[in-house]
C-alpha atoms as a PDB file:
ATOM      1  CA  MET A   1      -5.234  12.001  -9.501  1.00  0.00           C
ATOM      2  CA  LYS A   2      -6.996  15.471  -9.495  1.00  0.00           C
ATOM      3  CA  LYS A   3      -5.025  16.639 -12.628  1.00  0.00           C
ATOM      4  CA  ARG A   4      -6.000  13.551 -14.589  1.00  0.00           C
ATOM      5  CA  ASN A   5      -9.813  14.237 -13.462  1.00  0.00           C
ATOM      6  CA  ILE A   6      -9.515  17.823 -14.534  1.00  0.00           C
ATOM      7  CA  LEU A   7      -7.879  16.744 -17.858  1.00  0.00           C
ATOM      8  CA  HIS A   8     -10.614  14.295 -18.545  1.00  0.00           C
ATOM      9  CA  ARG A   9     -13.220  17.034 -17.838  1.00  0.00           C
ATOM     10  CA  ILE A  10     -11.623  19.567 -20.095  1.00  0.00           C
ATOM     11  CA  LEU A  11     -11.376  16.911 -22.833  1.00  0.00           C
ATOM     12  CA  ALA A  12     -15.018  16.303 -22.486  1.00  0.00           C
ATOM     13  CA  VAL A  13     -15.901  19.873 -22.730  1.00  0.00           C
ATOM     14  CA  VAL A  14     -13.883  20.149 -25.862  1.00  0.00           C
ATOM     15  CA  LEU A  15     -15.493  17.156 -27.336  1.00  0.00           C
ATOM     16  CA  VAL A  16     -18.967  18.473 -26.661  1.00  0.00           C
ATOM     17  CA  LEU A  17     -18.119  21.827 -28.223  1.00  0.00           C
ATOM     18  CA  THR A  18     -16.741  20.096 -31.141  1.00  0.00           C
ATOM     19  CA  MET A  19     -19.814  17.904 -31.647  1.00  0.00           C
ATOM     20  CA  ALA A  20     -22.022  21.007 -31.117  1.00  0.00           C
ATOM     21  CA  THR A  21     -19.981  22.925 -33.762  1.00  0.00           C
ATOM     22  CA  GLY A  22     -20.306  19.939 -36.115  1.00  0.00           C
ATOM     23  CA  LEU A  23     -24.007  19.618 -35.787  1.00  0.00           C
ATOM     24  CA  THR A  24     -24.503  23.268 -36.172  1.00  0.00           C
ATOM     25  CA  ALA A  25     -22.542  23.192 -39.398  1.00  0.00           C
ATOM     26  CA  GLN A  26     -24.396  20.101 -40.639  1.00  0.00           C
ATOM     27  CA  ALA A  27     -27.606  21.780 -39.872  1.00  0.00           C
ATOM     28  CA  LYS A  28     -26.601  24.792 -42.020  1.00  0.00           C
ATOM     29  CA  GLY A  29     -25.501  22.695 -44.761  1.00  0.00           C
ATOM     30  CA  ASP A  30     -28.786  20.612 -44.857  1.00  0.00           C
ATOM     31  CA  ALA A  31     -31.185  23.472 -44.092  1.00  0.00           C
ATOM     32  CA  SER A  32     -32.938  23.129 -47.259  1.00  0.00           C
ATOM     33  CA  SER A  33     -33.719  19.276 -46.866  1.00  0.00           C
ATOM     34  CA  THR A  34     -34.253  19.363 -43.094  1.00  0.00           C
ATOM     35  CA  SER A  35     -37.665  19.061 -41.871  1.00  0.00           C
ATOM     36  CA  LEU A  36     -39.048  20.920 -38.933  1.00  0.00           C
ATOM     37  CA  LYS A  37     -39.130  17.849 -36.682  1.00  0.00           C
ATOM     38  CA  GLU A  38     -35.440  17.108 -37.442  1.00  0.00           C
ATOM     39  CA  ALA A  39     -34.479  20.682 -36.774  1.00  0.00           C
ATOM     40  CA  GLN A  40     -36.309  20.692 -33.460  1.00  0.00           C
ATOM     41  CA  LYS A  41     -34.489  17.345 -32.551  1.00  0.00           C
ATOM     42  CA  GLU A  42     -31.136  18.861 -33.481  1.00  0.00           C
ATOM     43  CA  LYS A  43     -32.109  21.898 -31.419  1.00  0.00           C
ATOM     44  CA  ALA A  44     -33.021  19.650 -28.348  1.00  0.00           C
ATOM     45  CA  ALA A  45     -29.640  17.910 -28.777  1.00  0.00           C
ATOM     46  CA  LEU A  46     -27.709  21.012 -28.940  1.00  0.00           C
ATOM     47  CA  GLU A  47     -29.408  22.436 -25.899  1.00  0.00           C
ATOM     48  CA  LYS A  48     -28.735  19.223 -23.973  1.00  0.00           C
ATOM     49  CA  GLN A  49     -24.988  19.480 -24.930  1.00  0.00           C
ATOM     50  CA  LEU A  50     -24.935  23.084 -23.937  1.00  0.00           C
ATOM     51  CA  LYS A  51     -26.369  22.067 -20.551  1.00  0.00           C
ATOM     52  CA  ALA A  52     -23.748  19.269 -20.023  1.00  0.00           C
ATOM     53  CA  ALA A  53     -21.037  21.794 -21.063  1.00  0.00           C
ATOM     54  CA  LYS A  54     -22.274  24.387 -18.473  1.00  0.00           C
ATOM     55  CA  GLU A  55     -22.452  21.689 -15.713  1.00  0.00           C
ATOM     56  CA  LEU A  56     -18.953  20.592 -16.610  1.00  0.00           C
ATOM     57  CA  ILE A  57     -17.632  24.062 -16.463  1.00  0.00           C
ATOM     58  CA  ASN A  58     -19.228  24.597 -13.025  1.00  0.00           C
ATOM     59  CA  ASP A  59     -17.651  21.355 -11.802  1.00  0.00           C
ATOM     60  CA  LEU A  60     -14.196  22.506 -13.102  1.00  0.00           C
ATOM     61  CA  LYS A  61     -14.712  25.665 -11.141  1.00  0.00           C
ATOM     62  CA  ASP A  62     -15.443  23.686  -7.983  1.00  0.00           C
ATOM     63  CA  SER A  63     -12.433  21.467  -8.655  1.00  0.00           C
ATOM     64  CA  LYS A  64     -10.244  24.492  -9.014  1.00  0.00           C
ATOM     65  CA  GLY A  65     -11.410  25.728  -5.637  1.00  0.00           C
ATOM     66  CA  ASP A  66     -10.496  22.322  -4.174  1.00  0.00           C
ATOM     67  CA  VAL A  67      -7.103  22.442  -5.660  1.00  0.00           C
ATOM     68  CA  GLU A  68      -6.465  26.020  -4.495  1.00  0.00           C
ATOM     69  CA  ASP A  69      -7.534  25.123  -1.013  1.00  0.00           C
ATOM     70  CA  LYS A  70      -5.243  22.042  -0.988  1.00  0.00           C
ATOM     71  CA  VAL A  71      -2.334  24.251  -2.276  1.00  0.00           C
ATOM     72  CA  GLN A  72      -2.966  26.806   0.560  1.00  0.00           C
ATOM     73  CA  GLU A  73      -3.063  24.020   3.063  1.00  0.00           C
ATOM     74  CA  LEU A  74       0.219  22.663   1.808  1.00  0.00           C
ATOM     75  CA  ASN A  75       1.857  26.156   1.835  1.00  0.00           C
ATOM     76  CA  ASN A  76       0.740  26.663   5.523  1.00  0.00           C
ATOM     77  CA  GLU A  77       2.339  23.275   6.309  1.00  0.00           C
ATOM     78  CA  LEU A  78       5.553  24.154   4.494  1.00  0.00           C
ATOM     79  CA  VAL A  79       5.699  27.548   6.330  1.00  0.00           C
ATOM     80  CA  ASP A  80       5.235  25.760   9.722  1.00  0.00           C
ATOM     81  CA  ILE A  81       7.940  23.112   8.900  1.00  0.00           C
ATOM     82  CA  SER A  82      10.247  25.802   7.599  1.00  0.00           C
ATOM     83  CA  SER A  83       9.897  27.797  10.821  1.00  0.00           C
ATOM     84  CA  LYS A  84      10.544  24.685  13.041  1.00  0.00           C
ATOM     85  CA  ILE A  85      13.670  23.916  11.068  1.00  0.00           C
ATOM     86  CA  SER A  86      14.971  27.409  11.559  1.00  0.00           C
ATOM     87  CA  LEU A  87      14.260  27.241  15.372  1.00  0.00           C
ATOM     88  CA  ARG A  88      16.004  23.844  15.567  1.00  0.00           C
ATOM     89  CA  THR A  89      18.990  25.271  13.733  1.00  0.00           C
ATOM     90  CA  LYS A  90      19.218  28.172  16.103  1.00  0.00           C
ATOM     91  CA  VAL A  91      19.020  25.796  19.118  1.00  0.00           C
ATOM     92  CA  GLN A  92      21.718  23.652  17.744  1.00  0.00           C
ATOM     93  CA  ARG A  93      24.036  26.695  17.119  1.00  0.00           C
ATOM     94  CA  LEU A  94      23.394  27.926  20.729  1.00  0.00           C
ATOM     95  CA  LEU A  95      24.215  24.338  22.048  1.00  0.00           C
ATOM     96  CA  MET A  96      27.330  24.221  20.100  1.00  0.00           C
ATOM     97  CA  GLN A  97      28.360  27.740  21.294  1.00  0.00           C
ATOM     98  CA  ARG A  98      27.934  26.649  24.867  1.00  0.00           C
ATOM     99  CA  GLN A  99      30.009  23.463  24.323  1.00  0.00           C
ATOM    100  CA  ASN A 100      32.971  25.594  23.132  1.00  0.00           C
END
């Protein structure tokens, strides 16, 4: 579930950056006919997109930390389970040796 959420966030960042690039290119192409007010509106829209992209990047960093914490927790459980299996195996061998 988290992988899907992370992928959605990454896709959103890519879309935001693509739109921002398109608006910038459009602004350059139409510079001669764009009025000051339109340029200010475009700048405000780009700044809003930039802010959203930065927030998304921070969210992704937080998600990465959550995933790393969960992986560490699962690794600890795996080590614990593995050591218990090894101990059980040794006990079984000792019991089998005593029976023979």
